[in-house]
Every structure is written in structure tokens, then in C-alpha cells.
């Protein structure tokens, strides 16, 4: 099945290099007009320049594509509102938003300053929220939109020295889950990419032999498919080194203590049963979990009677 973004407009944040650049180039090669956003700061978020975004725009236009540069800061509501106005003025609509912009300020939790924690959350979680909020009304009005958030295994699994980054990256998955529900009737699909790639952000963290296998171009096909017309919603794909897998949040069948002794001791005694993933369940909405545990309790009470 061919994937085309003909007559569509995409915004990619943090697109001056690495994953964002790769996503922007692939979107353009599949027909999208692209707003290449990049604040142009250092890895820790300091500084700022338009050079990176303008260079990617030149790559796209040299290949016959359409693109404009934007140097807005995703953590600024005013900048993101201006970016949306720029996109609408240039291209008339917004179909796709890929939230990719990010910074790193890694330290162990004991050594980390709260300001470093706050700043990473501001860019990754709040920046994603602010950029998404900026396009939301337009997508609702046109009854179509594709939004991608960028998560990380540092959140889903953990990575030493990245408490700020991991917390923010799990936060965007929660945002995805809720916006999937709220956007459904407006034709807005919200998904997540969980990449592993060699970029400016990660290049000094990995062995050179590993870096060769982790080109950003081995993530972008999954990311771009997740914002295509035929994409699902509320789907998180892990992608890196040519492997694509689905990340799912599941819960165990658990134990219902209704009508039984329920103490810390009984929880401990039955922990292995509680934790067993035999018969695991993927719950698709918070209220589905509530329905399940209420049904368990009612069944237990009926059995007791």
C-alpha cells in the first residue's frame, strides 16, 4: 500500500538534525509540504539559531519539495502560535504534527538540580503539549489530523541518570492516551514513536560500532507511517536499527480480595499470583479498568451470597 502525503502539510519540531531532519526529509519525499521547526540550541537547550532548520529546508527544496523554516521554541506558547500562523499562511492547512524537539540534561537524581529536571520536562512534555495545543483547533475544524509524540525507553524501561527525561517521556504517552480519546470524533489520530538512534543527543552515549546500526533513517519509516492517512491511533511503536515493535501497557488478571481478608500480609502472600502475566489484559481506556474491577467485586459478592 502506497503512503502519500500529497496535498498535506506537516510540521516537524526539532527538525534541524537527527531524527527530526530524517522525518522531515521522508515526509517531503512522500509529497508533504513541511514546516521545519528547530530552535537551533545546544543539546542542553541553550543558545539558538536558524541555521539548522534553513539547511534542511534547502535540502528539501533542492530535491523539488516544498518547505519553510521556523525557529520557534516549543516551550513558548507565543512561538508555537506564530508557527501555526506561518504554516497556514504558507500552505493553508495543517495535517500532521511530529513532536520531536528535545534536550538532555543528564545527571543522577542525587546530583540533579531541580531546574535541570524542570527544564527537560518543559521541553519534552510541555513543549509537546504546547505545540499540540497550537494545532488542535485547526485539526478539529478540518476534521482531520495526525499527531505523533516522541517517547523513549528511558521512560518505559528506565535509564540511569535520566529521571527528568524518563518522567517527561512517560508523560507524553499519557498525553497520547487521552488525546486519542478526545480527538477520535474529529478524525484526529495520536500515536507515539519510541526511537533508538544515533543523533547529536545520543551520539556520545554509545559504542561506535553500535552507532553505525542506529541511523535515524532506520526510525523514520515507522514514524512517518504513524502519521499517514491509514495510521491507527493510540499506537506506540519502538523503532531502531531496523527493528519495529509495538509497545503495550498491560495489566495482570490480578486477585480480587472482595469478601476475603484484605491486609498487607495477604497481598504479600499472594504477590506471585497478583504479578503473574498469564492471561494479561491490554486495557484501552481508564474506565475499562474500572469496569473490570467493579465486575470482579460484584462477582465475588454474588458468589459469597
C-alpha atoms as a PDB file:
ATOM      1  CA  UNK A   1       0.000   0.000   0.000  1.00  0.00           C
ATOM      2  CA  UNK A   2       1.492   3.315  -1.088  1.00  0.00           C
ATOM      3  CA  UNK A   3       1.895   6.039   1.543  1.00  0.00           C
ATOM      4  CA  UNK A   4       1.372   9.531   0.181  1.00  0.00           C
ATOM      5  CA  UNK A   5       1.170  12.958   1.779  1.00  0.00           C
ATOM      6  CA  UNK A   6       0.160  14.687  -1.453  1.00  0.00           C
ATOM      7  CA  UNK A   7      -1.693  17.941  -0.696  1.00  0.00           C
ATOM      8  CA  UNK A   8      -0.876  17.591   3.001  1.00  0.00           C
ATOM      9  CA  UNK A   9       1.125  19.864   5.284  1.00  0.00           C
ATOM     10  CA  UNK A  10       3.360  18.594   8.075  1.00  0.00           C
ATOM     11  CA  UNK A  11       5.101  20.342  10.952  1.00  0.00           C
ATOM     12  CA  UNK A  12       8.152  18.633  12.443  1.00  0.00           C
ATOM     13  CA  UNK A  13       9.667  20.135  15.586  1.00  0.00           C
ATOM     14  CA  UNK A  14      13.346  19.732  16.311  1.00  0.00           C
ATOM     15  CA  UNK A  15      13.887  19.023  12.624  1.00  0.00           C
ATOM     16  CA  UNK A  16      17.252  20.702  12.154  1.00  0.00           C
ATOM     17  CA  UNK A  17      19.155  17.448  12.574  1.00  0.00           C
ATOM     18  CA  UNK A  18      18.993  13.828  13.672  1.00  0.00           C
ATOM     19  CA  UNK A  19      15.587  12.194  13.811  1.00  0.00           C
ATOM     20  CA  UNK A  20      13.620  15.342  13.050  1.00  0.00           C
ATOM     21  CA  UNK A  21      15.614  16.048   9.908  1.00  0.00           C
ATOM     22  CA  UNK A  22      15.180  12.450   8.775  1.00  0.00           C
ATOM     23  CA  UNK A  23      11.408  12.605   9.411  1.00  0.00           C
ATOM     24  CA  UNK A  24      11.109  15.918   7.541  1.00  0.00           C
ATOM     25  CA  UNK A  25      13.033  14.666   4.511  1.00  0.00           C
ATOM     26  CA  UNK A  26      10.949  11.492   4.327  1.00  0.00           C
ATOM     27  CA  UNK A  27       7.671  13.390   4.632  1.00  0.00           C
ATOM     28  CA  UNK A  28       8.769  15.743   1.857  1.00  0.00           C
ATOM     29  CA  UNK A  29       9.844  12.856  -0.368  1.00  0.00           C
ATOM     30  CA  UNK A  30       6.342  11.423   0.036  1.00  0.00           C
ATOM     31  CA  UNK A  31       4.666  14.643  -1.065  1.00  0.00           C
ATOM     32  CA  UNK A  32       4.148  16.709   2.082  1.00  0.00           C
ATOM     33  CA  UNK A  33       4.848  20.400   2.370  1.00  0.00           C
ATOM     34  CA  UNK A  34       6.943  20.661   5.530  1.00  0.00           C
ATOM     35  CA  UNK A  35       7.412  23.272   8.224  1.00  0.00           C
ATOM     36  CA  UNK A  36      10.917  22.567   9.513  1.00  0.00           C
ATOM     37  CA  UNK A  37      10.979  23.797  13.097  1.00  0.00           C
ATOM     38  CA  UNK A  38      14.194  23.968  15.076  1.00  0.00           C
ATOM     39  CA  UNK A  39      15.170  26.331  17.873  1.00  0.00           C
ATOM     40  CA  UNK A  40      18.790  25.695  16.964  1.00  0.00           C
ATOM     41  CA  UNK A  41      20.026  25.419  20.530  1.00  0.00           C
ATOM     42  CA  UNK A  42      22.707  23.241  22.067  1.00  0.00           C
ATOM     43  CA  UNK A  43      21.918  19.773  23.384  1.00  0.00           C
ATOM     44  CA  UNK A  44      21.099  21.236  26.813  1.00  0.00           C
ATOM     45  CA  UNK A  45      18.708  23.763  25.265  1.00  0.00           C
ATOM     46  CA  UNK A  46      20.943  26.810  25.451  1.00  0.00           C
ATOM     47  CA  UNK A  47      21.544  29.213  22.593  1.00  0.00           C
ATOM     48  CA  UNK A  48      19.514  29.298  19.407  1.00  0.00           C
ATOM     49  CA  UNK A  49      19.983  29.809  15.654  1.00  0.00           C
ATOM     50  CA  UNK A  50      18.016  29.359  12.424  1.00  0.00           C
ATOM     51  CA  UNK A  51      20.909  27.757  10.540  1.00  0.00           C
ATOM     52  CA  UNK A  52      19.880  24.137  11.153  1.00  0.00           C
ATOM     53  CA  UNK A  53      16.254  24.500  10.044  1.00  0.00           C
ATOM     54  CA  UNK A  54      17.222  26.562   7.000  1.00  0.00           C
ATOM     55  CA  UNK A  55      19.746  23.920   5.922  1.00  0.00           C
ATOM     56  CA  UNK A  56      17.063  21.216   5.973  1.00  0.00           C
ATOM     57  CA  UNK A  57      14.706  23.448   4.002  1.00  0.00           C
ATOM     58  CA  UNK A  58      17.401  23.823   1.358  1.00  0.00           C
ATOM     59  CA  UNK A  59      17.759  20.030   1.175  1.00  0.00           C
ATOM     60  CA  UNK A  60      14.031  19.620   0.661  1.00  0.00           C
ATOM     61  CA  UNK A  61      13.637  22.361  -1.935  1.00  0.00           C
ATOM     62  CA  UNK A  62      16.737  21.212  -3.819  1.00  0.00           C
ATOM     63  CA  UNK A  63      15.018  17.848  -4.244  1.00  0.00           C
ATOM     64  CA  UNK A  64      11.900  19.534  -5.616  1.00  0.00           C
ATOM     65  CA  UNK A  65       9.905  19.633  -2.391  1.00  0.00           C
ATOM     66  CA  UNK A  66       8.165  22.434  -0.525  1.00  0.00           C
ATOM     67  CA  UNK A  67       9.339  23.586   2.895  1.00  0.00           C
ATOM     68  CA  UNK A  68       9.714  26.616   5.126  1.00  0.00           C
ATOM     69  CA  UNK A  69      11.862  27.134   8.208  1.00  0.00           C
ATOM     70  CA  UNK A  70      10.687  28.068  11.676  1.00  0.00           C
ATOM     71  CA  UNK A  71      12.935  28.761  14.655  1.00  0.00           C
ATOM     72  CA  UNK A  72      10.269  28.799  17.363  1.00  0.00           C
ATOM     73  CA  UNK A  73      10.819  27.376  20.840  1.00  0.00           C
ATOM     74  CA  UNK A  74       8.336  24.575  21.547  1.00  0.00           C
ATOM     75  CA  UNK A  75       8.171  25.650  25.199  1.00  0.00           C
ATOM     76  CA  UNK A  76       6.798  29.056  24.138  1.00  0.00           C
ATOM     77  CA  UNK A  77       3.064  29.355  23.527  1.00  0.00           C
ATOM     78  CA  UNK A  78       3.615  32.528  21.514  1.00  0.00           C
ATOM     79  CA  UNK A  79       6.236  30.875  19.308  1.00  0.00           C
ATOM     80  CA  UNK A  80       4.030  27.872  18.605  1.00  0.00           C
ATOM     81  CA  UNK A  81       1.021  30.056  17.813  1.00  0.00           C
ATOM     82  CA  UNK A  82       3.216  32.011  15.402  1.00  0.00           C
ATOM     83  CA  UNK A  83       4.455  28.759  13.837  1.00  0.00           C
ATOM     84  CA  UNK A  84       0.881  27.658  13.166  1.00  0.00           C
ATOM     85  CA  UNK A  85       0.036  31.017  11.601  1.00  0.00           C
ATOM     86  CA  UNK A  86       3.158  30.761   9.438  1.00  0.00           C
ATOM     87  CA  UNK A  87       2.140  27.274   8.267  1.00  0.00           C
ATOM     88  CA  UNK A  88      -1.421  28.340   7.471  1.00  0.00           C
ATOM     89  CA  UNK A  89      -0.236  31.456   5.659  1.00  0.00           C
ATOM     90  CA  UNK A  90       2.228  29.481   3.538  1.00  0.00           C
ATOM     91  CA  UNK A  91       0.270  26.303   2.893  1.00  0.00           C
ATOM     92  CA  UNK A  92      -3.356  26.801   4.005  1.00  0.00           C
ATOM     93  CA  UNK A  93      -3.769  23.830   6.325  1.00  0.00           C
ATOM     94  CA  UNK A  94      -2.001  21.569   8.843  1.00  0.00           C
ATOM     95  CA  UNK A  95      -2.446  17.809   8.579  1.00  0.00           C
ATOM     96  CA  UNK A  96       0.497  16.415  10.528  1.00  0.00           C
ATOM     97  CA  UNK A  97       2.455  17.361  13.632  1.00  0.00           C
ATOM     98  CA  UNK A  98       5.508  15.366  14.659  1.00  0.00           C
ATOM     99  CA  UNK A  99       6.667  16.382  18.130  1.00  0.00           C
ATOM    100  CA  UNK A 100      10.378  15.644  18.074  1.00  0.00           C
ATOM    101  CA  UNK A 101      12.137  18.589  19.738  1.00  0.00           C
ATOM    102  CA  UNK A 102      14.099  17.794  22.875  1.00  0.00           C
ATOM    103  CA  UNK A 103      17.069  18.463  25.106  1.00  0.00           C
ATOM    104  CA  UNK A 104      19.135  16.452  27.573  1.00  0.00           C
ATOM    105  CA  UNK A 105      20.462  17.408  30.988  1.00  0.00           C
ATOM    106  CA  UNK A 106      21.586  14.062  32.367  1.00  0.00           C
ATOM    107  CA  UNK A 107      22.675  13.544  35.967  1.00  0.00           C
ATOM    108  CA  UNK A 108      21.870  11.066  38.675  1.00  0.00           C
ATOM    109  CA  UNK A 109      18.841  12.120  40.711  1.00  0.00           C
ATOM    110  CA  UNK A 110      21.015  12.782  43.767  1.00  0.00           C
ATOM    111  CA  UNK A 111      23.129  15.280  41.820  1.00  0.00           C
ATOM    112  CA  UNK A 112      20.452  16.809  39.625  1.00  0.00           C
ATOM    113  CA  UNK A 113      19.303  20.361  40.249  1.00  0.00           C
ATOM    114  CA  UNK A 114      15.541  20.840  40.201  1.00  0.00           C
ATOM    115  CA  UNK A 115      15.984  23.446  37.461  1.00  0.00           C
ATOM    116  CA  UNK A 116      17.542  20.772  35.215  1.00  0.00           C
ATOM    117  CA  UNK A 117      14.593  18.483  35.914  1.00  0.00           C
ATOM    118  CA  UNK A 118      12.105  21.267  35.269  1.00  0.00           C
ATOM    119  CA  UNK A 119      13.739  22.396  32.031  1.00  0.00           C
ATOM    120  CA  UNK A 120      13.740  18.922  30.472  1.00  0.00           C
ATOM    121  CA  UNK A 121      10.082  18.431  31.403  1.00  0.00           C
ATOM    122  CA  UNK A 122       9.273  21.891  29.998  1.00  0.00           C
ATOM    123  CA  UNK A 123      10.730  20.994  26.607  1.00  0.00           C
ATOM    124  CA  UNK A 124       9.730  17.345  26.225  1.00  0.00           C
ATOM    125  CA  UNK A 125       6.353  17.198  27.967  1.00  0.00           C
ATOM    126  CA  UNK A 126       5.178  20.800  27.986  1.00  0.00           C
ATOM    127  CA  UNK A 127       6.743  21.508  24.590  1.00  0.00           C
ATOM    128  CA  UNK A 128       4.830  18.580  23.122  1.00  0.00           C
ATOM    129  CA  UNK A 129       1.673  19.798  24.840  1.00  0.00           C
ATOM    130  CA  UNK A 130       2.098  23.405  23.699  1.00  0.00           C
ATOM    131  CA  UNK A 131       2.832  22.504  20.073  1.00  0.00           C
ATOM    132  CA  UNK A 132      -0.077  20.062  20.016  1.00  0.00           C
ATOM    133  CA  UNK A 133      -2.439  22.587  21.579  1.00  0.00           C
ATOM    134  CA  UNK A 134      -1.391  25.094  18.920  1.00  0.00           C
ATOM    135  CA  UNK A 135      -2.559  22.819  16.060  1.00  0.00           C
ATOM    136  CA  UNK A 136      -5.509  21.209  17.849  1.00  0.00           C
ATOM    137  CA  UNK A 137      -8.215  23.732  16.945  1.00  0.00           C
ATOM    138  CA  UNK A 138      -7.209  23.713  13.282  1.00  0.00           C
ATOM    139  CA  UNK A 139      -7.283  19.918  13.132  1.00  0.00           C
ATOM    140  CA  UNK A 140     -10.665  19.777  14.877  1.00  0.00           C
ATOM    141  CA  UNK A 141     -12.084  22.316  12.448  1.00  0.00           C
ATOM    142  CA  UNK A 142     -10.866  20.452   9.364  1.00  0.00           C
ATOM    143  CA  UNK A 143     -11.909  17.121  10.933  1.00  0.00           C
ATOM    144  CA  UNK A 144      -8.518  15.581  10.239  1.00  0.00           C
ATOM    145  CA  UNK A 145      -5.167  15.420  11.935  1.00  0.00           C
ATOM    146  CA  UNK A 146      -2.239  13.150  12.638  1.00  0.00           C
ATOM    147  CA  UNK A 147      -0.120  13.844  15.715  1.00  0.00           C
ATOM    148  CA  UNK A 148       2.992  11.978  16.791  1.00  0.00           C
ATOM    149  CA  UNK A 149       4.651  12.256  20.182  1.00  0.00           C
ATOM    150  CA  UNK A 150       8.186  11.038  20.759  1.00  0.00           C
ATOM    151  CA  UNK A 151       8.670   8.844  23.808  1.00  0.00           C
ATOM    152  CA  UNK A 152      11.713   6.860  24.955  1.00  0.00           C
ATOM    153  CA  UNK A 153      12.723   3.579  26.516  1.00  0.00           C
ATOM    154  CA  UNK A 154      14.260   5.771  29.228  1.00  0.00           C
ATOM    155  CA  UNK A 155      10.665   6.261  30.331  1.00  0.00           C
ATOM    156  CA  UNK A 156       9.109   2.896  29.561  1.00  0.00           C
ATOM    157  CA  UNK A 157      12.026   0.890  30.967  1.00  0.00           C
ATOM    158  CA  UNK A 158      14.320   3.391  32.719  1.00  0.00           C
ATOM    159  CA  UNK A 159      17.869   4.600  32.130  1.00  0.00           C
ATOM    160  CA  UNK A 160      20.341   5.634  34.827  1.00  0.00           C
ATOM    161  CA  UNK A 161      20.842   9.392  35.054  1.00  0.00           C
ATOM    162  CA  UNK A 162      17.702  10.331  33.146  1.00  0.00           C
ATOM    163  CA  UNK A 163      14.985  10.770  35.757  1.00  0.00           C
ATOM    164  CA  UNK A 164      13.935  14.081  34.196  1.00  0.00           C
ATOM    165  CA  UNK A 165      13.926  12.737  30.651  1.00  0.00           C
ATOM    166  CA  UNK A 166      12.283   9.435  31.588  1.00  0.00           C
ATOM    167  CA  UNK A 167       9.492  11.154  33.511  1.00  0.00           C
ATOM    168  CA  UNK A 168       8.778  13.517  30.615  1.00  0.00           C
ATOM    169  CA  UNK A 169       8.825  10.715  28.056  1.00  0.00           C
ATOM    170  CA  UNK A 170       6.304   8.649  30.008  1.00  0.00           C
ATOM    171  CA  UNK A 171       4.214  11.786  30.333  1.00  0.00           C
ATOM    172  CA  UNK A 172       3.804  12.112  26.576  1.00  0.00           C
ATOM    173  CA  UNK A 173       2.392   8.570  26.442  1.00  0.00           C
ATOM    174  CA  UNK A 174      -0.287   9.630  28.911  1.00  0.00           C
ATOM    175  CA  UNK A 175      -0.988  12.642  26.716  1.00  0.00           C
ATOM    176  CA  UNK A 176      -1.307  10.350  23.699  1.00  0.00           C
ATOM    177  CA  UNK A 177      -3.784   8.096  25.502  1.00  0.00           C
ATOM    178  CA  UNK A 178      -6.102  10.956  26.418  1.00  0.00           C
ATOM    179  CA  UNK A 179      -5.863  12.880  23.145  1.00  0.00           C
ATOM    180  CA  UNK A 180      -6.622   9.670  21.249  1.00  0.00           C
ATOM    181  CA  UNK A 181      -9.973   9.577  23.049  1.00  0.00           C
ATOM    182  CA  UNK A 182     -10.688  13.291  22.710  1.00  0.00           C
ATOM    183  CA  UNK A 183      -9.644  13.528  19.067  1.00  0.00           C
ATOM    184  CA  UNK A 184     -11.394  10.435  17.722  1.00  0.00           C
ATOM    185  CA  UNK A 185     -14.659  12.082  16.667  1.00  0.00           C
ATOM    186  CA  UNK A 186     -12.722  14.809  14.860  1.00  0.00           C
ATOM    187  CA  UNK A 187     -10.633  12.423  12.773  1.00  0.00           C
ATOM    188  CA  UNK A 188      -7.508  13.174  14.810  1.00  0.00           C
ATOM    189  CA  UNK A 189      -5.221  10.198  15.410  1.00  0.00           C
ATOM    190  CA  UNK A 190      -2.492  10.412  18.035  1.00  0.00           C
ATOM    191  CA  UNK A 191       0.419   7.969  18.156  1.00  0.00           C
ATOM    192  CA  UNK A 192       3.908   7.635  19.616  1.00  0.00           C
ATOM    193  CA  UNK A 193       7.322   6.714  18.296  1.00  0.00           C
ATOM    194  CA  UNK A 194       9.837   5.267  20.750  1.00  0.00           C
ATOM    195  CA  UNK A 195      13.130   5.611  18.877  1.00  0.00           C
ATOM    196  CA  UNK A 196      16.644   4.338  19.397  1.00  0.00           C
ATOM    197  CA  UNK A 197      19.004   6.246  17.130  1.00  0.00           C
ATOM    198  CA  UNK A 198      22.425   7.809  16.856  1.00  0.00           C
ATOM    199  CA  UNK A 199      21.883  11.564  16.971  1.00  0.00           C
ATOM    200  CA  UNK A 200      23.503  14.631  18.468  1.00  0.00           C
ATOM    201  CA  UNK A 201      21.531  13.851  21.626  1.00  0.00           C
ATOM    202  CA  UNK A 202      22.776  10.277  21.984  1.00  0.00           C
ATOM    203  CA  UNK A 203      25.963  10.019  19.923  1.00  0.00           C
ATOM    204  CA  UNK A 204      28.383  10.135  22.854  1.00  0.00           C
ATOM    205  CA  UNK A 205      26.456   7.526  24.836  1.00  0.00           C
ATOM    206  CA  UNK A 206      27.045   4.562  22.543  1.00  0.00           C
ATOM    207  CA  UNK A 207      29.867   2.460  21.179  1.00  0.00           C
ATOM    208  CA  UNK A 208      30.914   3.487  17.618  1.00  0.00           C
ATOM    209  CA  UNK A 209      30.094   0.017  16.319  1.00  0.00           C
ATOM    210  CA  UNK A 210      26.540   0.402  17.646  1.00  0.00           C
ATOM    211  CA  UNK A 211      26.152   3.857  16.150  1.00  0.00           C
ATOM    212  CA  UNK A 212      26.595   2.501  12.637  1.00  0.00           C
ATOM    213  CA  UNK A 213      23.486   0.367  13.124  1.00  0.00           C
ATOM    214  CA  UNK A 214      21.401   3.163  14.615  1.00  0.00           C
ATOM    215  CA  UNK A 215      20.978   5.661  11.809  1.00  0.00           C
ATOM    216  CA  UNK A 216      17.939   7.962  12.220  1.00  0.00           C
ATOM    217  CA  UNK A 217      16.811   6.816   8.778  1.00  0.00           C
ATOM    218  CA  UNK A 218      16.077   3.421  10.368  1.00  0.00           C
ATOM    219  CA  UNK A 219      13.427   5.049  12.585  1.00  0.00           C
ATOM    220  CA  UNK A 220      11.686   7.438  10.193  1.00  0.00           C
ATOM    221  CA  UNK A 221       9.692   4.889   8.148  1.00  0.00           C
ATOM    222  CA  UNK A 222       7.824   3.873  11.312  1.00  0.00           C
ATOM    223  CA  UNK A 223       7.336   7.477  12.425  1.00  0.00           C
ATOM    224  CA  UNK A 224       6.094   8.589   9.032  1.00  0.00           C
ATOM    225  CA  UNK A 225       3.679   5.666   8.729  1.00  0.00           C
ATOM    226  CA  UNK A 226       2.215   6.600  12.131  1.00  0.00           C
ATOM    227  CA  UNK A 227       1.157   9.989  10.730  1.00  0.00           C
ATOM    228  CA  UNK A 228      -0.149   8.684   7.411  1.00  0.00           C
ATOM    229  CA  UNK A 229      -3.768   8.650   6.306  1.00  0.00           C
ATOM    230  CA  UNK A 230      -4.111   4.937   7.112  1.00  0.00           C
ATOM    231  CA  UNK A 231      -2.412   5.113  10.515  1.00  0.00           C
ATOM    232  CA  UNK A 232      -4.132   3.713  13.603  1.00  0.00           C
ATOM    233  CA  UNK A 233      -4.470   5.750  16.781  1.00  0.00           C
ATOM    234  CA  UNK A 234      -3.111   5.256  20.303  1.00  0.00           C
ATOM    235  CA  UNK A 235      -0.266   3.124  18.987  1.00  0.00           C
ATOM    236  CA  UNK A 236       3.319   3.311  20.243  1.00  0.00           C
ATOM    237  CA  UNK A 237       5.986   1.782  18.028  1.00  0.00           C
ATOM    238  CA  UNK A 238       9.551   1.134  19.127  1.00  0.00           C
ATOM    239  CA  UNK A 239      11.947   1.616  16.226  1.00  0.00           C
ATOM    240  CA  UNK A 240      15.696   1.367  15.847  1.00  0.00           C
ATOM    241  CA  UNK A 241      18.401  -0.499  13.926  1.00  0.00           C
ATOM    242  CA  UNK A 242      15.762  -1.745  11.506  1.00  0.00           C
ATOM    243  CA  UNK A 243      13.511  -3.357  14.126  1.00  0.00           C
ATOM    244  CA  UNK A 244       9.959  -2.122  14.679  1.00  0.00           C
ATOM    245  CA  UNK A 245       7.900  -3.417  17.604  1.00  0.00           C
ATOM    246  CA  UNK A 246       4.753  -2.357  19.406  1.00  0.00           C
ATOM    247  CA  UNK A 247       4.965  -1.078  22.972  1.00  0.00           C
ATOM    248  CA  UNK A 248       1.911  -2.051  25.016  1.00  0.00           C
ATOM    249  CA  UNK A 249       0.806  -1.357  28.575  1.00  0.00           C
ATOM    250  CA  UNK A 250      -0.833  -4.415  30.091  1.00  0.00           C
ATOM    251  CA  UNK A 251      -2.175  -5.436  33.476  1.00  0.00           C
ATOM    252  CA  UNK A 252      -2.306  -8.826  35.090  1.00  0.00           C
ATOM    253  CA  UNK A 253      -5.553 -10.627  35.849  1.00  0.00           C
ATOM    254  CA  UNK A 254      -4.768  -9.907  39.476  1.00  0.00           C
ATOM    255  CA  UNK A 255      -6.565 -11.093  42.591  1.00  0.00           C
ATOM    256  CA  UNK A 256      -9.919  -9.825  43.844  1.00  0.00           C
ATOM    257  CA  UNK A 257      -9.959  -9.721  47.636  1.00  0.00           C
ATOM    258  CA  UNK A 258     -13.625  -8.749  47.913  1.00  0.00           C
ATOM    259  CA  UNK A 259     -15.216 -10.933  50.577  1.00  0.00           C
ATOM    260  CA  UNK A 260     -11.793 -12.158  51.745  1.00  0.00           C
ATOM    261  CA  UNK A 261      -9.283 -10.977  54.285  1.00  0.00           C
ATOM    262  CA  UNK A 262      -7.510  -7.988  52.716  1.00  0.00           C
ATOM    263  CA  UNK A 263      -4.383  -6.957  54.584  1.00  0.00           C
ATOM    264  CA  UNK A 264      -0.791  -6.102  53.678  1.00  0.00           C
ATOM    265  CA  UNK A 265       0.060  -9.656  54.708  1.00  0.00           C
ATOM    266  CA  UNK A 266      -2.455 -11.263  52.337  1.00  0.00           C
ATOM    267  CA  UNK A 267      -1.216  -9.078  49.480  1.00  0.00           C
ATOM    268  CA  UNK A 268       2.337 -10.230  50.165  1.00  0.00           C
ATOM    269  CA  UNK A 269       1.280 -13.863  50.439  1.00  0.00           C
ATOM    270  CA  UNK A 270      -0.406 -13.757  47.042  1.00  0.00           C
ATOM    271  CA  UNK A 271       2.013 -11.404  45.288  1.00  0.00           C
ATOM    272  CA  UNK A 272       3.222 -14.014  42.793  1.00  0.00           C
ATOM    273  CA  UNK A 273      -0.375 -14.612  41.729  1.00  0.00           C
ATOM    274  CA  UNK A 274      -1.064 -10.871  41.570  1.00  0.00           C
ATOM    275  CA  UNK A 275       2.030 -10.236  39.451  1.00  0.00           C
ATOM    276  CA  UNK A 276       1.667 -13.163  37.055  1.00  0.00           C
ATOM    277  CA  UNK A 277       1.160 -12.038  33.463  1.00  0.00           C
ATOM    278  CA  UNK A 278      -0.597 -15.246  32.477  1.00  0.00           C
ATOM    279  CA  UNK A 279      -3.794 -14.040  30.836  1.00  0.00           C
ATOM    280  CA  UNK A 280      -2.567 -10.440  30.718  1.00  0.00           C
ATOM    281  CA  UNK A 281      -5.011  -7.759  29.611  1.00  0.00           C
ATOM    282  CA  UNK A 282      -4.440  -4.696  27.462  1.00  0.00           C
ATOM    283  CA  UNK A 283      -6.903  -2.104  28.715  1.00  0.00           C
ATOM    284  CA  UNK A 284      -7.728   0.575  26.173  1.00  0.00           C
ATOM    285  CA  UNK A 285      -9.267   3.233  28.447  1.00  0.00           C
ATOM    286  CA  UNK A 286      -9.179   4.111  32.133  1.00  0.00           C
ATOM    287  CA  UNK A 287     -12.893   3.431  32.570  1.00  0.00           C
ATOM    288  CA  UNK A 288     -12.439  -0.065  31.106  1.00  0.00           C
ATOM    289  CA  UNK A 289     -10.185  -0.867  34.058  1.00  0.00           C
ATOM    290  CA  UNK A 290     -12.816   0.498  36.450  1.00  0.00           C
ATOM    291  CA  UNK A 291     -15.491  -1.641  34.789  1.00  0.00           C
ATOM    292  CA  UNK A 292     -13.300  -4.728  35.167  1.00  0.00           C
ATOM    293  CA  UNK A 293     -12.580  -4.341  38.871  1.00  0.00           C
ATOM    294  CA  UNK A 294     -16.230  -3.484  39.640  1.00  0.00           C
ATOM    295  CA  UNK A 295     -17.314  -6.627  37.779  1.00  0.00           C
ATOM    296  CA  UNK A 296     -14.775  -8.656  39.778  1.00  0.00           C
ATOM    297  CA  UNK A 297     -16.105  -7.265  43.052  1.00  0.00           C
ATOM    298  CA  UNK A 298     -19.735  -7.899  42.151  1.00  0.00           C
ATOM    299  CA  UNK A 299     -18.966 -11.448  41.050  1.00  0.00           C
ATOM    300  CA  UNK A 300     -17.129 -12.112  44.303  1.00  0.00           C
ATOM    301  CA  UNK A 301     -20.002 -10.732  46.392  1.00  0.00           C
ATOM    302  CA  UNK A 302     -22.566 -12.756  44.447  1.00  0.00           C
ATOM    303  CA  UNK A 303     -20.515 -15.894  44.980  1.00  0.00           C
ATOM    304  CA  UNK A 304     -20.281 -15.158  48.700  1.00  0.00           C
ATOM    305  CA  UNK A 305     -24.048 -14.725  48.964  1.00  0.00           C
END
